[in-house]
Amino acid sequence: MPFTMIHLHVAMRAAGSKTEKKEEFLLGSIAPDAVHYLPDYTSSYKCRSHLLPDGIPWGTCEGRNNELWEENIRKFVAQWDGVAEKDFILGYAVHLLTDLFNNVHVWTPLRSAGLVDTSQGMESVYHRESVRMNTYLTCQMTEQDGFREALEKAEPLSIPGIIGIPEIMKMRQHDLAFMYESKEVPDIHMNQYCTLEKTEWLIREASDYASKVLEL
């Protein structure tokens, strides 16, 4: 699924007239992946934080289950309607919808065609290309993008039973450190699956999809 920088770009593009606190909106847009910072992390935690339908392992959601996944996201947003922290919640939902869009239009077609080896995990070509693309987008980031400043200012939100503030804080600290550290710009020209053209398409189409679902 998309890494941090894609989620931030999607959220920045999706932010609309309903977005009052962009800082919280952007932090919310990366918060679901904070479960990776839990000491006893398993993929079942990611299924929970991403509101997948019950019993669906991560990376295997297909067909009708994708519709149920979108329904779960809509219900989640409705439950938090009118709260002061609505921007964090909307950003959180944008992340989930981005992963859902990517699952339908990128991941599942690749997996179904046998083009990604799911048994390789983080050693797969797809994963390594995703890491490389995230690093590339981080290197292209400028102060005008406003990502670092927004993440530094944002107030995290605990969502009971789904995600907690401690892991969000750990994730933010890690992501900001990565943004600030000096690094070489990786060569992405040999990427097969995560090309710049496909990444720009994903950012554009996923943000349009999320904006439509959430009426941003």
Protein backbone atom coordinates (compact mmCIF):
# COMPACT_ATOMS: atom_id res chain seq x y z
CA MET A 1 0.00 0.00 0.00
CA PRO A 2 1.12 3.64 -0.40
CA PHE A 3 3.77 5.03 1.93
CA THR A 4 3.81 8.29 3.89
CA MET A 5 4.56 10.80 1.13
CA ILE A 6 1.84 9.54 -1.20
CA HIS A 7 -0.69 9.79 1.63
CA LEU A 8 0.41 13.35 2.40
CA HIS A 9 0.19 14.40 -1.24
CA VAL A 10 -3.26 12.82 -1.60
CA ALA A 11 -4.47 14.56 1.56
CA MET A 12 -3.07 17.94 0.54
CA ARG A 13 -4.83 17.65 -2.81
CA ALA A 14 -8.07 16.39 -1.27
CA ALA A 15 -8.29 19.07 1.41
CA GLY A 16 -11.35 21.17 0.60
CA SER A 17 -13.63 23.79 2.07
CA LYS A 18 -14.55 21.49 4.97
CA THR A 19 -10.93 21.40 6.12
CA GLU A 20 -10.44 23.97 8.88
CA LYS A 21 -7.33 22.57 10.59
CA LYS A 22 -5.06 21.34 7.81
CA GLU A 23 -2.39 20.28 10.31
CA GLU A 24 -4.71 17.76 11.95
CA PHE A 25 -6.04 16.70 8.54
CA LEU A 26 -2.53 15.86 7.34
CA LEU A 27 -1.55 14.06 10.54
CA GLY A 28 -4.77 12.07 10.33
CA SER A 29 -3.86 11.12 6.76
CA ILE A 30 -0.87 9.09 7.96
CA ALA A 31 -2.18 8.02 11.38
CA PRO A 32 -3.63 4.59 10.41
CA ASP A 33 -0.11 3.25 9.76
CA ALA A 34 1.00 4.17 13.29
CA VAL A 35 0.04 0.62 14.33
CA HIS A 36 3.44 -0.41 12.94
CA TYR A 37 4.94 1.28 16.01
CA LEU A 38 3.13 -0.93 18.50
CA PRO A 39 5.62 -3.27 20.24
CA ASP A 40 3.51 -6.36 19.56
CA TYR A 41 2.46 -5.39 16.02
CA THR A 42 0.81 -8.00 13.81
CA SER A 43 -0.99 -7.51 10.50
CA SER A 44 -4.31 -8.00 12.29
CA TYR A 45 -3.71 -4.62 13.97
CA LYS A 46 -3.42 -3.01 10.55
CA CYS A 47 -6.70 -4.60 9.45
CA ARG A 48 -8.32 -3.06 12.52
CA SER A 49 -6.80 0.41 12.13
CA HIS A 50 -7.76 0.42 8.44
CA LEU A 51 -11.34 -0.76 9.13
CA LEU A 52 -11.22 -3.79 6.86
CA PRO A 53 -14.27 -6.09 6.90
CA ASP A 54 -14.05 -8.72 9.64
CA GLY A 55 -11.93 -11.73 8.83
CA ILE A 56 -10.22 -10.31 5.74
CA PRO A 57 -6.41 -10.62 5.94
CA TRP A 58 -4.38 -7.59 4.91
CA GLY A 59 -3.73 -7.46 1.18
CA THR A 60 -6.51 -9.89 0.21
CA CYS A 61 -9.61 -7.68 0.08
CA GLU A 62 -11.50 -8.22 -3.19
CA GLY A 63 -14.92 -7.82 -4.82
CA ARG A 64 -17.84 -7.24 -2.48
CA ASN A 65 -15.45 -6.88 0.45
CA ASN A 66 -14.11 -3.66 -1.07
CA GLU A 67 -17.67 -2.30 -0.98
CA LEU A 68 -17.96 -3.35 2.66
CA TRP A 69 -14.64 -1.65 3.35
CA GLU A 70 -15.92 1.62 1.92
CA GLU A 71 -19.12 1.24 3.96
CA ASN A 72 -17.03 0.81 7.12
CA ILE A 73 -15.16 4.03 6.33
CA ARG A 74 -18.38 5.95 5.71
CA LYS A 75 -19.86 4.71 9.00
CA PHE A 76 -16.67 5.62 10.84
CA VAL A 77 -16.80 9.21 9.57
CA ALA A 78 -20.51 9.47 10.40
CA GLN A 79 -19.83 8.38 13.98
CA TRP A 80 -17.47 11.33 14.43
CA ASP A 81 -19.64 13.88 12.65
CA GLY A 82 -19.72 17.26 14.36
CA VAL A 83 -16.81 16.68 16.74
CA ALA A 84 -14.07 19.26 17.23
CA GLU A 85 -11.49 16.80 15.88
CA LYS A 86 -13.33 16.28 12.59
CA ASP A 87 -10.32 17.28 10.47
CA PHE A 88 -8.16 14.54 11.96
CA ILE A 89 -10.98 12.06 11.32
CA LEU A 90 -11.45 13.21 7.73
CA GLY A 91 -7.71 12.93 7.11
CA TYR A 92 -7.78 9.46 8.64
CA ALA A 93 -10.59 8.51 6.26
CA VAL A 94 -8.66 9.90 3.28
CA HIS A 95 -5.81 7.52 4.15
CA LEU A 96 -8.17 4.55 4.28
CA LEU A 97 -9.85 5.48 1.00
CA THR A 98 -6.44 5.91 -0.64
CA ASP A 99 -5.46 2.41 0.44
CA LEU A 100 -8.82 1.10 -0.77
CA PHE A 101 -8.38 2.79 -4.15
CA ASN A 102 -4.83 1.46 -4.43
CA ASN A 103 -6.03 -2.01 -3.46
CA VAL A 104 -8.65 -2.05 -6.22
CA HIS A 105 -6.68 -0.39 -9.01
CA VAL A 106 -3.04 -1.28 -8.29
CA TRP A 107 -2.38 -4.03 -5.76
CA THR A 108 -5.11 -6.56 -6.60
CA PRO A 109 -4.51 -6.44 -10.39
CA LEU A 110 -0.78 -6.99 -9.83
CA ARG A 111 -1.37 -9.81 -7.35
CA SER A 112 -4.02 -11.49 -9.51
CA ALA A 113 -1.69 -11.40 -12.51
CA GLY A 114 1.10 -12.99 -10.48
CA LEU A 115 3.30 -9.92 -10.88
CA VAL A 116 4.06 -9.54 -7.17
CA ASP A 117 5.34 -12.28 -4.88
CA THR A 118 3.43 -11.80 -1.63
CA SER A 119 5.59 -14.40 0.12
CA GLN A 120 8.63 -12.11 -0.13
CA GLY A 121 7.09 -9.38 2.04
CA MET A 122 9.48 -6.45 2.44
CA GLU A 123 11.96 -8.08 0.06
CA SER A 124 9.53 -8.05 -2.86
CA VAL A 125 10.26 -5.84 -5.86
CA TYR A 126 6.98 -3.99 -5.28
CA HIS A 127 7.86 -3.17 -1.67
CA ARG A 128 11.40 -2.07 -2.49
CA GLU A 129 10.12 0.15 -5.29
CA SER A 130 7.55 1.66 -2.91
CA VAL A 131 10.30 2.49 -0.42
CA ARG A 132 12.40 4.01 -3.20
CA MET A 133 9.48 6.13 -4.41
CA ASN A 134 8.73 7.35 -0.88
CA THR A 135 12.36 8.41 -0.48
CA TYR A 136 12.30 10.13 -3.87
CA LEU A 137 9.15 12.10 -3.00
CA THR A 138 10.70 13.05 0.34
CA CYS A 139 13.79 14.39 -1.43
CA GLN A 140 11.58 16.46 -3.76
CA MET A 141 9.71 18.01 -0.84
CA THR A 142 10.07 21.77 -0.26
CA GLU A 143 9.15 24.08 2.59
CA GLN A 144 6.34 25.42 0.43
CA ASP A 145 4.67 22.00 0.57
CA GLY A 146 4.06 22.63 4.26
CA PHE A 147 4.21 18.96 5.25
CA ARG A 148 6.85 19.19 7.98
CA GLU A 149 5.44 22.32 9.58
CA ALA A 150 1.94 20.85 9.59
CA LEU A 151 3.01 17.57 11.17
CA GLU A 152 5.00 19.40 13.83
CA LYS A 153 2.02 21.56 14.83
CA ALA A 154 -0.74 18.94 14.63
CA GLU A 155 -2.50 17.58 17.70
CA PRO A 156 -2.89 13.78 17.59
CA LEU A 157 -6.15 12.07 18.46
CA SER A 158 -6.76 8.74 20.16
CA ILE A 159 -9.45 6.64 18.49
CA PRO A 160 -10.53 4.04 21.07
CA GLY A 161 -10.03 0.48 19.96
CA ILE A 162 -8.33 1.57 16.74
CA ILE A 163 -5.27 3.78 17.29
CA GLY A 164 -3.62 5.54 20.23
CA ILE A 165 -1.66 8.75 20.72
CA PRO A 166 1.65 7.08 21.81
CA GLU A 167 2.08 5.19 18.54
CA ILE A 168 1.02 8.23 16.50
CA MET A 169 3.69 10.29 18.29
CA LYS A 170 6.34 7.64 17.58
CA MET A 171 5.38 7.51 13.94
CA ARG A 172 5.43 11.30 13.60
CA GLN A 173 8.86 11.48 15.23
CA HIS A 174 10.19 8.86 12.83
CA ASP A 175 8.67 10.47 9.74
CA LEU A 176 9.89 13.96 10.63
CA ALA A 177 13.40 12.66 11.31
CA PHE A 178 13.39 10.99 7.89
CA MET A 179 12.17 14.20 6.26
CA TYR A 180 14.92 16.29 7.86
CA GLU A 181 17.88 13.93 7.43
CA SER A 182 20.24 14.31 4.48
CA LYS A 183 19.81 11.57 1.87
CA GLU A 184 20.67 10.80 -1.72
CA VAL A 185 17.94 11.04 -4.33
CA PRO A 186 17.24 7.45 -5.38
CA ASP A 187 17.12 6.43 -9.03
CA ILE A 188 13.50 5.54 -9.79
CA HIS A 189 13.87 5.19 -13.55
CA MET A 190 14.15 1.40 -13.32
CA ASN A 191 10.98 1.03 -11.25
CA GLN A 192 8.50 -1.32 -12.90
CA TYR A 193 5.41 -0.90 -10.72
CA CYS A 194 5.93 2.30 -8.74
CA THR A 195 6.91 4.65 -11.54
CA LEU A 196 6.62 8.41 -11.20
CA GLU A 197 3.86 8.50 -13.82
CA LYS A 198 1.83 5.84 -12.00
CA THR A 199 2.44 7.54 -8.66
CA GLU A 200 1.22 10.90 -9.95
CA TRP A 201 -1.84 9.13 -11.38
CA LEU A 202 -2.51 7.45 -8.04
CA ILE A 203 -2.25 10.74 -6.13
CA ARG A 204 -4.61 12.47 -8.53
CA GLU A 205 -7.21 9.71 -8.82
CA ALA A 206 -7.17 8.65 -5.16
CA SER A 207 -7.62 12.23 -3.98
CA ASP A 208 -10.55 12.70 -6.37
CA TYR A 209 -12.10 9.46 -5.12
CA ALA A 210 -11.66 10.39 -1.45
CA SER A 211 -13.01 13.90 -2.03
CA LYS A 212 -16.10 12.47 -3.71
CA VAL A 213 -16.81 9.89 -1.00
CA LEU A 214 -16.27 12.37 1.84
CA GLU A 215 -17.78 15.35 0.00
CA LEU A 216 -14.74 17.50 0.78
